[in-house]
């Protein structure tokens, strides 16, 4: 029986609004483990990474807020993810703000390099997450993780895997984006990162774009990591996120995307991030996220 291991990352240090540290609990309460067990998976819950709150530390640097604790927590997460993959589990990291993915991808990248596998990443997000300390308008590290993974940013984060970049730009696809800062646009132009915006999805449809993105990655990589930021969904579907942007994926578009990932071979490691129950109603956003992860892991209508 294939096994999925949950690991919580209750952190809001990288975000601009409080409450996303409650995301792992919200996802557990939404029944994410039970939904996966219904699909035939063995599900292990490895608990949460211990993370200090904002109240007991200084901002550190206005362009890299709470960097020391974020780096420490991400290093711990990377070790857990490494061990879970080594034990044969599919790691599913529950955030927490999106800076979490620096740690999860660092662990995946190190495991892939050790086993001679090429890492590919499907980054599903309303935002680019491509800011650097020089370009950031806020200093919030949850706006930087994809840049860090691609080798841009402070060495305290870019080298967490023991090498950098953690993934090659040509092996990453950003999908669902509709809000970019000027520095992020420039980095996309400079690197040639493959990006599918909501405008592309509106014009062409989610299914052909999902197929194209996945076919591109499958031809290049051996290990697919999916990082799913719930704010890719339209706020009418999932309001409980810290940085909502109108014009996102509909409920059915999101399910079709996840179903297409499953049909193409699924993911070998996953993140789900930015669920903020303080901003939600009756845990709706966490329930939707749990349903979508179930679709990604193989749940079908028939």
C-alpha atoms as a PDB file:
ATOM      1  CA  UNK A   1       0.000   0.000   0.000  1.00  0.00           C
ATOM      2  CA  UNK A   2       1.416   3.386  -0.995  1.00  0.00           C
ATOM      3  CA  UNK A   3       1.881   5.752   1.947  1.00  0.00           C
ATOM      4  CA  UNK A   4       1.517   9.510   2.300  1.00  0.00           C
ATOM      5  CA  UNK A   5       3.145  11.294   5.237  1.00  0.00           C
ATOM      6  CA  UNK A   6       1.692  14.571   6.500  1.00  0.00           C
ATOM      7  CA  UNK A   7       3.965  17.138   8.110  1.00  0.00           C
ATOM      8  CA  UNK A   8       2.612  20.423   9.442  1.00  0.00           C
ATOM      9  CA  UNK A   9       4.450  23.726   9.195  1.00  0.00           C
ATOM     10  CA  UNK A  10       2.492  26.155  11.409  1.00  0.00           C
ATOM     11  CA  UNK A  11       4.224  29.395  10.454  1.00  0.00           C
ATOM     12  CA  UNK A  12       3.022  32.873   9.552  1.00  0.00           C
ATOM     13  CA  UNK A  13       6.395  34.627   9.853  1.00  0.00           C
ATOM     14  CA  UNK A  14       6.740  34.933   6.081  1.00  0.00           C
ATOM     15  CA  UNK A  15       3.283  36.404   5.556  1.00  0.00           C
ATOM     16  CA  UNK A  16       1.884  39.889   5.869  1.00  0.00           C
ATOM     17  CA  UNK A  17      -1.233  38.815   7.793  1.00  0.00           C
ATOM     18  CA  UNK A  18      -1.487  36.666  10.884  1.00  0.00           C
ATOM     19  CA  UNK A  19      -3.377  33.373  11.140  1.00  0.00           C
ATOM     20  CA  UNK A  20      -1.924  31.192   8.407  1.00  0.00           C
ATOM     21  CA  UNK A  21       0.027  29.339  11.108  1.00  0.00           C
ATOM     22  CA  UNK A  22      -3.319  27.677  11.903  1.00  0.00           C
ATOM     23  CA  UNK A  23      -3.480  26.224   8.391  1.00  0.00           C
ATOM     24  CA  UNK A  24      -2.190  22.735   9.263  1.00  0.00           C
ATOM     25  CA  UNK A  25      -4.861  22.309  11.939  1.00  0.00           C
ATOM     26  CA  UNK A  26      -7.546  23.605   9.578  1.00  0.00           C
ATOM     27  CA  UNK A  27      -6.520  21.084   6.911  1.00  0.00           C
ATOM     28  CA  UNK A  28      -6.500  18.238   9.412  1.00  0.00           C
ATOM     29  CA  UNK A  29      -9.947  19.263  10.697  1.00  0.00           C
ATOM     30  CA  UNK A  30     -11.122  19.378   7.066  1.00  0.00           C
ATOM     31  CA  UNK A  31     -10.358  15.660   6.880  1.00  0.00           C
ATOM     32  CA  UNK A  32      -7.390  15.614   4.540  1.00  0.00           C
ATOM     33  CA  UNK A  33      -6.066  12.360   6.039  1.00  0.00           C
ATOM     34  CA  UNK A  34      -9.463  10.636   5.912  1.00  0.00           C
ATOM     35  CA  UNK A  35      -9.982  11.635   2.275  1.00  0.00           C
ATOM     36  CA  UNK A  36      -6.639  10.116   1.319  1.00  0.00           C
ATOM     37  CA  UNK A  37      -7.316   6.923   3.276  1.00  0.00           C
ATOM     38  CA  UNK A  38     -10.597   6.549   1.377  1.00  0.00           C
ATOM     39  CA  UNK A  39      -8.488   6.399  -1.794  1.00  0.00           C
ATOM     40  CA  UNK A  40      -6.536   3.448  -0.404  1.00  0.00           C
ATOM     41  CA  UNK A  41      -3.438   5.226   0.862  1.00  0.00           C
ATOM     42  CA  UNK A  42      -1.778   4.552   4.167  1.00  0.00           C
ATOM     43  CA  UNK A  43      -1.572   7.978   5.809  1.00  0.00           C
ATOM     44  CA  UNK A  44       0.939   8.820   8.515  1.00  0.00           C
ATOM     45  CA  UNK A  45       0.844  12.114  10.405  1.00  0.00           C
ATOM     46  CA  UNK A  46       4.300  13.160  11.577  1.00  0.00           C
ATOM     47  CA  UNK A  47       2.991  16.155  13.537  1.00  0.00           C
ATOM     48  CA  UNK A  48       4.257  19.710  13.213  1.00  0.00           C
ATOM     49  CA  UNK A  49       7.623  21.416  12.949  1.00  0.00           C
ATOM     50  CA  UNK A  50       8.163  23.481  16.124  1.00  0.00           C
ATOM     51  CA  UNK A  51       8.253  27.160  15.144  1.00  0.00           C
ATOM     52  CA  UNK A  52       8.619  30.256  17.307  1.00  0.00           C
ATOM     53  CA  UNK A  53       5.940  32.942  16.977  1.00  0.00           C
ATOM     54  CA  UNK A  54       6.397  36.590  16.037  1.00  0.00           C
ATOM     55  CA  UNK A  55       5.891  37.654  19.643  1.00  0.00           C
ATOM     56  CA  UNK A  56       9.198  36.183  20.836  1.00  0.00           C
ATOM     57  CA  UNK A  57      11.567  37.509  18.173  1.00  0.00           C
ATOM     58  CA  UNK A  58      12.624  40.607  16.260  1.00  0.00           C
ATOM     59  CA  UNK A  59      11.841  41.353  12.614  1.00  0.00           C
ATOM     60  CA  UNK A  60      15.629  41.109  11.985  1.00  0.00           C
ATOM     61  CA  UNK A  61      15.712  42.920   8.601  1.00  0.00           C
ATOM     62  CA  UNK A  62      12.868  44.907   6.996  1.00  0.00           C
ATOM     63  CA  UNK A  63      13.737  43.340   3.628  1.00  0.00           C
ATOM     64  CA  UNK A  64      13.973  39.800   5.035  1.00  0.00           C
ATOM     65  CA  UNK A  65      11.555  39.727   7.923  1.00  0.00           C
ATOM     66  CA  UNK A  66      12.146  36.984  10.507  1.00  0.00           C
ATOM     67  CA  UNK A  67      14.870  35.408   8.360  1.00  0.00           C
ATOM     68  CA  UNK A  68      16.735  33.511  11.129  1.00  0.00           C
ATOM     69  CA  UNK A  69      13.651  31.632  12.355  1.00  0.00           C
ATOM     70  CA  UNK A  70      12.343  30.993   8.844  1.00  0.00           C
ATOM     71  CA  UNK A  71      15.726  29.573   7.813  1.00  0.00           C
ATOM     72  CA  UNK A  72      15.914  27.415  10.952  1.00  0.00           C
ATOM     73  CA  UNK A  73      12.384  26.042  10.495  1.00  0.00           C
ATOM     74  CA  UNK A  74      12.890  25.398   6.781  1.00  0.00           C
ATOM     75  CA  UNK A  75      16.109  23.524   7.543  1.00  0.00           C
ATOM     76  CA  UNK A  76      14.222  21.288   9.968  1.00  0.00           C
ATOM     77  CA  UNK A  77      11.482  20.679   7.400  1.00  0.00           C
ATOM     78  CA  UNK A  78      14.030  19.809   4.724  1.00  0.00           C
ATOM     79  CA  UNK A  79      15.486  17.114   6.983  1.00  0.00           C
ATOM     80  CA  UNK A  80      12.046  15.642   7.686  1.00  0.00           C
ATOM     81  CA  UNK A  81      11.148  15.603   3.977  1.00  0.00           C
ATOM     82  CA  UNK A  82      14.480  13.948   3.139  1.00  0.00           C
ATOM     83  CA  UNK A  83      13.833  11.188   5.672  1.00  0.00           C
ATOM     84  CA  UNK A  84      10.225  10.676   4.551  1.00  0.00           C
ATOM     85  CA  UNK A  85      11.312  10.194   0.942  1.00  0.00           C
ATOM     86  CA  UNK A  86      14.114   7.883   2.055  1.00  0.00           C
ATOM     87  CA  UNK A  87      11.554   5.795   3.969  1.00  0.00           C
ATOM     88  CA  UNK A  88       9.437   5.498   0.811  1.00  0.00           C
ATOM     89  CA  UNK A  89       6.630   7.913   1.716  1.00  0.00           C
ATOM     90  CA  UNK A  90       5.113  10.676  -0.393  1.00  0.00           C
ATOM     91  CA  UNK A  91       5.574  13.817   1.735  1.00  0.00           C
ATOM     92  CA  UNK A  92       2.622  16.208   1.925  1.00  0.00           C
ATOM     93  CA  UNK A  93       3.621  19.403   3.740  1.00  0.00           C
ATOM     94  CA  UNK A  94       0.778  21.438   5.237  1.00  0.00           C
ATOM     95  CA  UNK A  95       1.294  25.193   5.577  1.00  0.00           C
ATOM     96  CA  UNK A  96       1.627  27.678   6.821  1.00  0.00           C
ATOM     97  CA  UNK A  97       2.782  30.477   4.551  1.00  0.00           C
ATOM     98  CA  UNK A  98       4.503  29.746   1.262  1.00  0.00           C
ATOM     99  CA  UNK A  99       8.014  30.303   2.618  1.00  0.00           C
ATOM    100  CA  UNK A 100       7.534  26.724   3.855  1.00  0.00           C
ATOM    101  CA  UNK A 101       8.276  25.493   0.344  1.00  0.00           C
ATOM    102  CA  UNK A 102      11.884  26.612   0.643  1.00  0.00           C
ATOM    103  CA  UNK A 103      12.289  23.861   3.226  1.00  0.00           C
ATOM    104  CA  UNK A 104      10.209  21.175   1.570  1.00  0.00           C
ATOM    105  CA  UNK A 105      11.821  21.679  -1.839  1.00  0.00           C
ATOM    106  CA  UNK A 106      15.294  21.742  -0.259  1.00  0.00           C
ATOM    107  CA  UNK A 107      14.637  18.286   1.173  1.00  0.00           C
ATOM    108  CA  UNK A 108      13.221  17.000  -2.109  1.00  0.00           C
ATOM    109  CA  UNK A 109      16.081  18.493  -4.130  1.00  0.00           C
ATOM    110  CA  UNK A 110      18.723  16.896  -1.907  1.00  0.00           C
ATOM    111  CA  UNK A 111      16.989  13.515  -2.131  1.00  0.00           C
ATOM    112  CA  UNK A 112      16.696  13.791  -5.916  1.00  0.00           C
ATOM    113  CA  UNK A 113      20.365  14.656  -6.324  1.00  0.00           C
ATOM    114  CA  UNK A 114      21.394  11.767  -4.049  1.00  0.00           C
ATOM    115  CA  UNK A 115      19.317   9.332  -6.127  1.00  0.00           C
ATOM    116  CA  UNK A 116      20.229  10.721  -9.542  1.00  0.00           C
ATOM    117  CA  UNK A 117      16.755  12.057 -10.262  1.00  0.00           C
ATOM    118  CA  UNK A 118      15.879  15.312 -11.993  1.00  0.00           C
ATOM    119  CA  UNK A 119      13.484  17.511 -10.023  1.00  0.00           C
ATOM    120  CA  UNK A 120      10.603  19.333 -11.683  1.00  0.00           C
ATOM    121  CA  UNK A 121       8.198  21.703  -9.971  1.00  0.00           C
ATOM    122  CA  UNK A 122       4.639  22.705 -10.824  1.00  0.00           C
ATOM    123  CA  UNK A 123       4.026  25.907  -8.847  1.00  0.00           C
ATOM    124  CA  UNK A 124       0.294  26.661  -8.704  1.00  0.00           C
ATOM    125  CA  UNK A 125      -0.194  30.180  -7.383  1.00  0.00           C
ATOM    126  CA  UNK A 126      -1.879  33.547  -7.920  1.00  0.00           C
ATOM    127  CA  UNK A 127       1.495  35.193  -7.308  1.00  0.00           C
ATOM    128  CA  UNK A 128       4.970  34.752  -8.734  1.00  0.00           C
ATOM    129  CA  UNK A 129       6.772  34.311  -5.396  1.00  0.00           C
ATOM    130  CA  UNK A 130       9.787  35.576  -7.323  1.00  0.00           C
ATOM    131  CA  UNK A 131      10.825  38.588  -5.272  1.00  0.00           C
ATOM    132  CA  UNK A 132      14.329  38.992  -3.892  1.00  0.00           C
ATOM    133  CA  UNK A 133      15.617  41.120  -0.995  1.00  0.00           C
ATOM    134  CA  UNK A 134      16.375  43.803  -3.584  1.00  0.00           C
ATOM    135  CA  UNK A 135      12.973  43.756  -5.321  1.00  0.00           C
ATOM    136  CA  UNK A 136      10.557  42.984  -2.478  1.00  0.00           C
ATOM    137  CA  UNK A 137       7.994  45.707  -1.741  1.00  0.00           C
ATOM    138  CA  UNK A 138       7.140  44.195   1.661  1.00  0.00           C
ATOM    139  CA  UNK A 139      10.070  42.188   3.030  1.00  0.00           C
ATOM    140  CA  UNK A 140       7.732  39.210   3.479  1.00  0.00           C
ATOM    141  CA  UNK A 141       9.597  36.013   2.634  1.00  0.00           C
ATOM    142  CA  UNK A 142       6.435  34.232   1.439  1.00  0.00           C
ATOM    143  CA  UNK A 143       6.838  36.401  -1.670  1.00  0.00           C
ATOM    144  CA  UNK A 144      10.300  34.944  -2.352  1.00  0.00           C
ATOM    145  CA  UNK A 145      10.305  31.114  -2.222  1.00  0.00           C
ATOM    146  CA  UNK A 146      10.338  30.366  -5.940  1.00  0.00           C
ATOM    147  CA  UNK A 147      13.152  32.870  -6.469  1.00  0.00           C
ATOM    148  CA  UNK A 148      15.087  31.176  -3.647  1.00  0.00           C
ATOM    149  CA  UNK A 149      14.533  27.735  -5.188  1.00  0.00           C
ATOM    150  CA  UNK A 150      15.880  29.054  -8.502  1.00  0.00           C
ATOM    151  CA  UNK A 151      18.981  30.395  -6.740  1.00  0.00           C
ATOM    152  CA  UNK A 152      18.075  34.067  -6.304  1.00  0.00           C
ATOM    153  CA  UNK A 153      18.125  35.599  -2.843  1.00  0.00           C
ATOM    154  CA  UNK A 154      19.961  35.425   0.444  1.00  0.00           C
ATOM    155  CA  UNK A 155      22.454  32.549   0.879  1.00  0.00           C
ATOM    156  CA  UNK A 156      20.869  31.635   4.223  1.00  0.00           C
ATOM    157  CA  UNK A 157      17.963  30.283   2.156  1.00  0.00           C
ATOM    158  CA  UNK A 158      19.305  29.523  -1.329  1.00  0.00           C
ATOM    159  CA  UNK A 159      21.865  27.035   0.038  1.00  0.00           C
ATOM    160  CA  UNK A 160      19.544  25.065   2.344  1.00  0.00           C
ATOM    161  CA  UNK A 161      19.792  21.991   0.115  1.00  0.00           C
ATOM    162  CA  UNK A 162      23.591  22.120   0.263  1.00  0.00           C
ATOM    163  CA  UNK A 163      23.769  23.389  -3.326  1.00  0.00           C
ATOM    164  CA  UNK A 164      21.990  25.891  -5.514  1.00  0.00           C
ATOM    165  CA  UNK A 165      19.856  26.283  -7.441  1.00  0.00           C
ATOM    166  CA  UNK A 166      17.588  23.655  -5.929  1.00  0.00           C
ATOM    167  CA  UNK A 167      15.838  23.322  -9.305  1.00  0.00           C
ATOM    168  CA  UNK A 168      16.729  24.470 -12.789  1.00  0.00           C
ATOM    169  CA  UNK A 169      14.553  27.218 -14.209  1.00  0.00           C
ATOM    170  CA  UNK A 170      13.793  25.090 -17.271  1.00  0.00           C
ATOM    171  CA  UNK A 171      12.322  22.405 -14.989  1.00  0.00           C
ATOM    172  CA  UNK A 172       9.774  24.692 -13.305  1.00  0.00           C
ATOM    173  CA  UNK A 173       6.305  25.784 -14.440  1.00  0.00           C
ATOM    174  CA  UNK A 174       4.317  28.576 -12.785  1.00  0.00           C
ATOM    175  CA  UNK A 175       0.566  28.243 -13.345  1.00  0.00           C
ATOM    176  CA  UNK A 176      -2.410  30.435 -12.413  1.00  0.00           C
ATOM    177  CA  UNK A 177      -0.497  33.646 -11.779  1.00  0.00           C
ATOM    178  CA  UNK A 178      -2.372  36.953 -11.958  1.00  0.00           C
ATOM    179  CA  UNK A 179      -0.454  39.274  -9.620  1.00  0.00           C
ATOM    180  CA  UNK A 180       3.212  40.115 -10.234  1.00  0.00           C
ATOM    181  CA  UNK A 181       5.478  42.810  -8.847  1.00  0.00           C
ATOM    182  CA  UNK A 182       7.812  44.668 -11.250  1.00  0.00           C
ATOM    183  CA  UNK A 183      10.897  42.797 -10.055  1.00  0.00           C
ATOM    184  CA  UNK A 184       9.124  39.475 -10.595  1.00  0.00           C
ATOM    185  CA  UNK A 185       8.236  40.384 -14.181  1.00  0.00           C
ATOM    186  CA  UNK A 186      11.856  41.263 -14.822  1.00  0.00           C
ATOM    187  CA  UNK A 187      13.088  37.965 -13.349  1.00  0.00           C
ATOM    188  CA  UNK A 188      10.641  36.023 -15.541  1.00  0.00           C
ATOM    189  CA  UNK A 189      11.929  37.842 -18.628  1.00  0.00           C
ATOM    190  CA  UNK A 190      15.554  37.314 -17.613  1.00  0.00           C
ATOM    191  CA  UNK A 191      15.246  33.602 -16.845  1.00  0.00           C
ATOM    192  CA  UNK A 192      12.675  32.593 -19.459  1.00  0.00           C
ATOM    193  CA  UNK A 193      10.645  30.814 -16.771  1.00  0.00           C
ATOM    194  CA  UNK A 194       7.644  29.008 -18.254  1.00  0.00           C
ATOM    195  CA  UNK A 195       4.538  30.819 -16.956  1.00  0.00           C
ATOM    196  CA  UNK A 196       0.830  30.273 -17.633  1.00  0.00           C
ATOM    197  CA  UNK A 197      -1.150  33.286 -16.458  1.00  0.00           C
ATOM    198  CA  UNK A 198      -4.869  33.474 -15.775  1.00  0.00           C
ATOM    199  CA  UNK A 199      -5.143  35.333 -19.073  1.00  0.00           C
ATOM    200  CA  UNK A 200      -3.731  32.254 -20.816  1.00  0.00           C
ATOM    201  CA  UNK A 201      -6.216  30.055 -18.947  1.00  0.00           C
ATOM    202  CA  UNK A 202      -9.125  32.352 -19.843  1.00  0.00           C
ATOM    203  CA  UNK A 203      -8.185  32.288 -23.523  1.00  0.00           C
ATOM    204  CA  UNK A 204      -7.227  28.637 -23.955  1.00  0.00           C
ATOM    205  CA  UNK A 205      -8.919  26.765 -21.112  1.00  0.00           C
ATOM    206  CA  UNK A 206      -7.448  24.997 -18.115  1.00  0.00           C
ATOM    207  CA  UNK A 207      -7.360  21.496 -19.629  1.00  0.00           C
ATOM    208  CA  UNK A 208      -5.100  22.161 -22.649  1.00  0.00           C
ATOM    209  CA  UNK A 209      -2.803  24.300 -20.516  1.00  0.00           C
ATOM    210  CA  UNK A 210      -2.583  21.657 -17.786  1.00  0.00           C
ATOM    211  CA  UNK A 211      -1.818  18.996 -20.400  1.00  0.00           C
ATOM    212  CA  UNK A 212       0.839  21.156 -22.040  1.00  0.00           C
ATOM    213  CA  UNK A 213       2.512  22.044 -18.741  1.00  0.00           C
ATOM    214  CA  UNK A 214       2.547  18.459 -17.519  1.00  0.00           C
ATOM    215  CA  UNK A 215       3.740  17.010 -20.828  1.00  0.00           C
ATOM    216  CA  UNK A 216       6.566  19.544 -20.816  1.00  0.00           C
ATOM    217  CA  UNK A 217       7.633  18.584 -17.293  1.00  0.00           C
ATOM    218  CA  UNK A 218       7.183  14.818 -17.714  1.00  0.00           C
ATOM    219  CA  UNK A 219       9.502  14.857 -20.736  1.00  0.00           C
ATOM    220  CA  UNK A 220      12.230  16.546 -18.694  1.00  0.00           C
ATOM    221  CA  UNK A 221      12.079  15.333 -15.092  1.00  0.00           C
ATOM    222  CA  UNK A 222      11.921  12.168 -12.982  1.00  0.00           C
ATOM    223  CA  UNK A 223      10.380  13.604  -9.798  1.00  0.00           C
ATOM    224  CA  UNK A 224       7.424  16.021  -9.881  1.00  0.00           C
ATOM    225  CA  UNK A 225       6.876  18.284  -6.882  1.00  0.00           C
ATOM    226  CA  UNK A 226       3.573  20.183  -6.783  1.00  0.00           C
ATOM    227  CA  UNK A 227       3.349  23.336  -4.684  1.00  0.00           C
ATOM    228  CA  UNK A 228      -0.307  24.369  -4.354  1.00  0.00           C
ATOM    229  CA  UNK A 229      -1.079  27.823  -2.982  1.00  0.00           C
ATOM    230  CA  UNK A 230      -4.789  27.995  -2.199  1.00  0.00           C
ATOM    231  CA  UNK A 231      -4.886  31.653  -3.269  1.00  0.00           C
ATOM    232  CA  UNK A 232      -4.763  30.460  -6.887  1.00  0.00           C
ATOM    233  CA  UNK A 233      -8.488  29.873  -6.418  1.00  0.00           C
ATOM    234  CA  UNK A 234     -10.931  32.696  -6.932  1.00  0.00           C
ATOM    235  CA  UNK A 235     -11.864  34.318  -3.592  1.00  0.00           C
ATOM    236  CA  UNK A 236     -15.477  33.269  -4.195  1.00  0.00           C
ATOM    237  CA  UNK A 237     -14.246  29.668  -3.875  1.00  0.00           C
ATOM    238  CA  UNK A 238     -11.627  30.116  -1.142  1.00  0.00           C
ATOM    239  CA  UNK A 239     -11.762  33.373   0.797  1.00  0.00           C
ATOM    240  CA  UNK A 240      -9.611  32.154   3.683  1.00  0.00           C
ATOM    241  CA  UNK A 241      -6.221  33.180   2.299  1.00  0.00           C
ATOM    242  CA  UNK A 242      -3.939  36.043   3.264  1.00  0.00           C
ATOM    243  CA  UNK A 243      -3.482  37.601  -0.172  1.00  0.00           C
ATOM    244  CA  UNK A 244      -6.672  37.027  -2.202  1.00  0.00           C
ATOM    245  CA  UNK A 245      -6.695  38.186  -5.826  1.00  0.00           C
ATOM    246  CA  UNK A 246      -9.937  38.322  -7.864  1.00  0.00           C
ATOM    247  CA  UNK A 247     -10.138  36.387 -11.108  1.00  0.00           C
ATOM    248  CA  UNK A 248      -8.746  33.036 -10.008  1.00  0.00           C
ATOM    249  CA  UNK A 249      -9.516  29.423 -10.813  1.00  0.00           C
ATOM    250  CA  UNK A 250     -13.089  28.265 -10.404  1.00  0.00           C
ATOM    251  CA  UNK A 251     -13.933  25.205  -8.333  1.00  0.00           C
ATOM    252  CA  UNK A 252     -14.259  23.005 -11.428  1.00  0.00           C
ATOM    253  CA  UNK A 253     -11.171  24.429 -13.142  1.00  0.00           C
ATOM    254  CA  UNK A 254      -9.134  23.619 -10.053  1.00  0.00           C
ATOM    255  CA  UNK A 255     -10.497  20.076  -9.839  1.00  0.00           C
ATOM    256  CA  UNK A 256      -9.829  19.500 -13.529  1.00  0.00           C
ATOM    257  CA  UNK A 257      -6.256  20.695 -13.054  1.00  0.00           C
ATOM    258  CA  UNK A 258      -5.751  18.299 -10.149  1.00  0.00           C
ATOM    259  CA  UNK A 259      -7.427  15.428 -12.007  1.00  0.00           C
ATOM    260  CA  UNK A 260      -5.127  16.055 -14.962  1.00  0.00           C
ATOM    261  CA  UNK A 261      -2.071  15.918 -12.694  1.00  0.00           C
ATOM    262  CA  UNK A 262      -3.311  12.580 -11.339  1.00  0.00           C
ATOM    263  CA  UNK A 263      -3.958  11.178 -14.824  1.00  0.00           C
ATOM    264  CA  UNK A 264      -0.478  12.217 -15.974  1.00  0.00           C
ATOM    265  CA  UNK A 265       1.188  10.173 -13.233  1.00  0.00           C
ATOM    266  CA  UNK A 266       0.580  12.173 -10.067  1.00  0.00           C
ATOM    267  CA  UNK A 267       3.030  13.968  -7.811  1.00  0.00           C
ATOM    268  CA  UNK A 268       5.938  12.501  -5.877  1.00  0.00           C
ATOM    269  CA  UNK A 269       5.871  15.234  -3.207  1.00  0.00           C
ATOM    270  CA  UNK A 270       3.439  18.050  -2.414  1.00  0.00           C
ATOM    271  CA  UNK A 271       2.855  21.290  -0.545  1.00  0.00           C
ATOM    272  CA  UNK A 272      -0.451  22.956   0.249  1.00  0.00           C
ATOM    273  CA  UNK A 273      -0.057  26.450   1.659  1.00  0.00           C
ATOM    274  CA  UNK A 274      -1.655  29.747   2.690  1.00  0.00           C
ATOM    275  CA  UNK A 275      -4.917  28.466   4.212  1.00  0.00           C
ATOM    276  CA  UNK A 276      -5.819  31.107   6.800  1.00  0.00           C
ATOM    277  CA  UNK A 277      -8.800  30.047   8.932  1.00  0.00           C
ATOM    278  CA  UNK A 278      -8.988  33.444  10.669  1.00  0.00           C
ATOM    279  CA  UNK A 279     -10.064  34.954   7.346  1.00  0.00           C
ATOM    280  CA  UNK A 280     -12.378  32.069   6.454  1.00  0.00           C
ATOM    281  CA  UNK A 281     -15.984  31.067   7.108  1.00  0.00           C
ATOM    282  CA  UNK A 282     -16.665  27.639   8.629  1.00  0.00           C
ATOM    283  CA  UNK A 283     -13.296  26.296   7.422  1.00  0.00           C
ATOM    284  CA  UNK A 284     -14.534  26.354   3.822  1.00  0.00           C
ATOM    285  CA  UNK A 285     -11.146  27.054   2.226  1.00  0.00           C
ATOM    286  CA  UNK A 286      -9.449  24.181   4.044  1.00  0.00           C
ATOM    287  CA  UNK A 287     -12.253  21.823   3.002  1.00  0.00           C
ATOM    288  CA  UNK A 288     -11.871  22.893  -0.634  1.00  0.00           C
ATOM    289  CA  UNK A 289      -8.092  22.447  -0.408  1.00  0.00           C
ATOM    290  CA  UNK A 290      -8.504  18.958   1.066  1.00  0.00           C
ATOM    291  CA  UNK A 291     -10.938  18.030  -1.712  1.00  0.00           C
ATOM    292  CA  UNK A 292      -8.491  19.260  -4.338  1.00  0.00           C
ATOM    293  CA  UNK A 293      -5.575  17.319  -2.856  1.00  0.00           C
ATOM    294  CA  UNK A 294      -7.774  14.211  -2.975  1.00  0.00           C
ATOM    295  CA  UNK A 295      -8.383  14.859  -6.691  1.00  0.00           C
ATOM    296  CA  UNK A 296      -4.657  15.297  -7.262  1.00  0.00           C
ATOM    297  CA  UNK A 297      -4.047  11.966  -5.540  1.00  0.00           C
ATOM    298  CA  UNK A 298      -6.495  10.122  -7.750  1.00  0.00           C
ATOM    299  CA  UNK A 299     -10.087  10.707  -6.640  1.00  0.00           C
ATOM    300  CA  UNK A 300     -12.417  10.466  -9.629  1.00  0.00           C
ATOM    301  CA  UNK A 301     -16.091  11.074 -10.310  1.00  0.00           C
ATOM    302  CA  UNK A 302     -16.418   7.581 -11.805  1.00  0.00           C
END
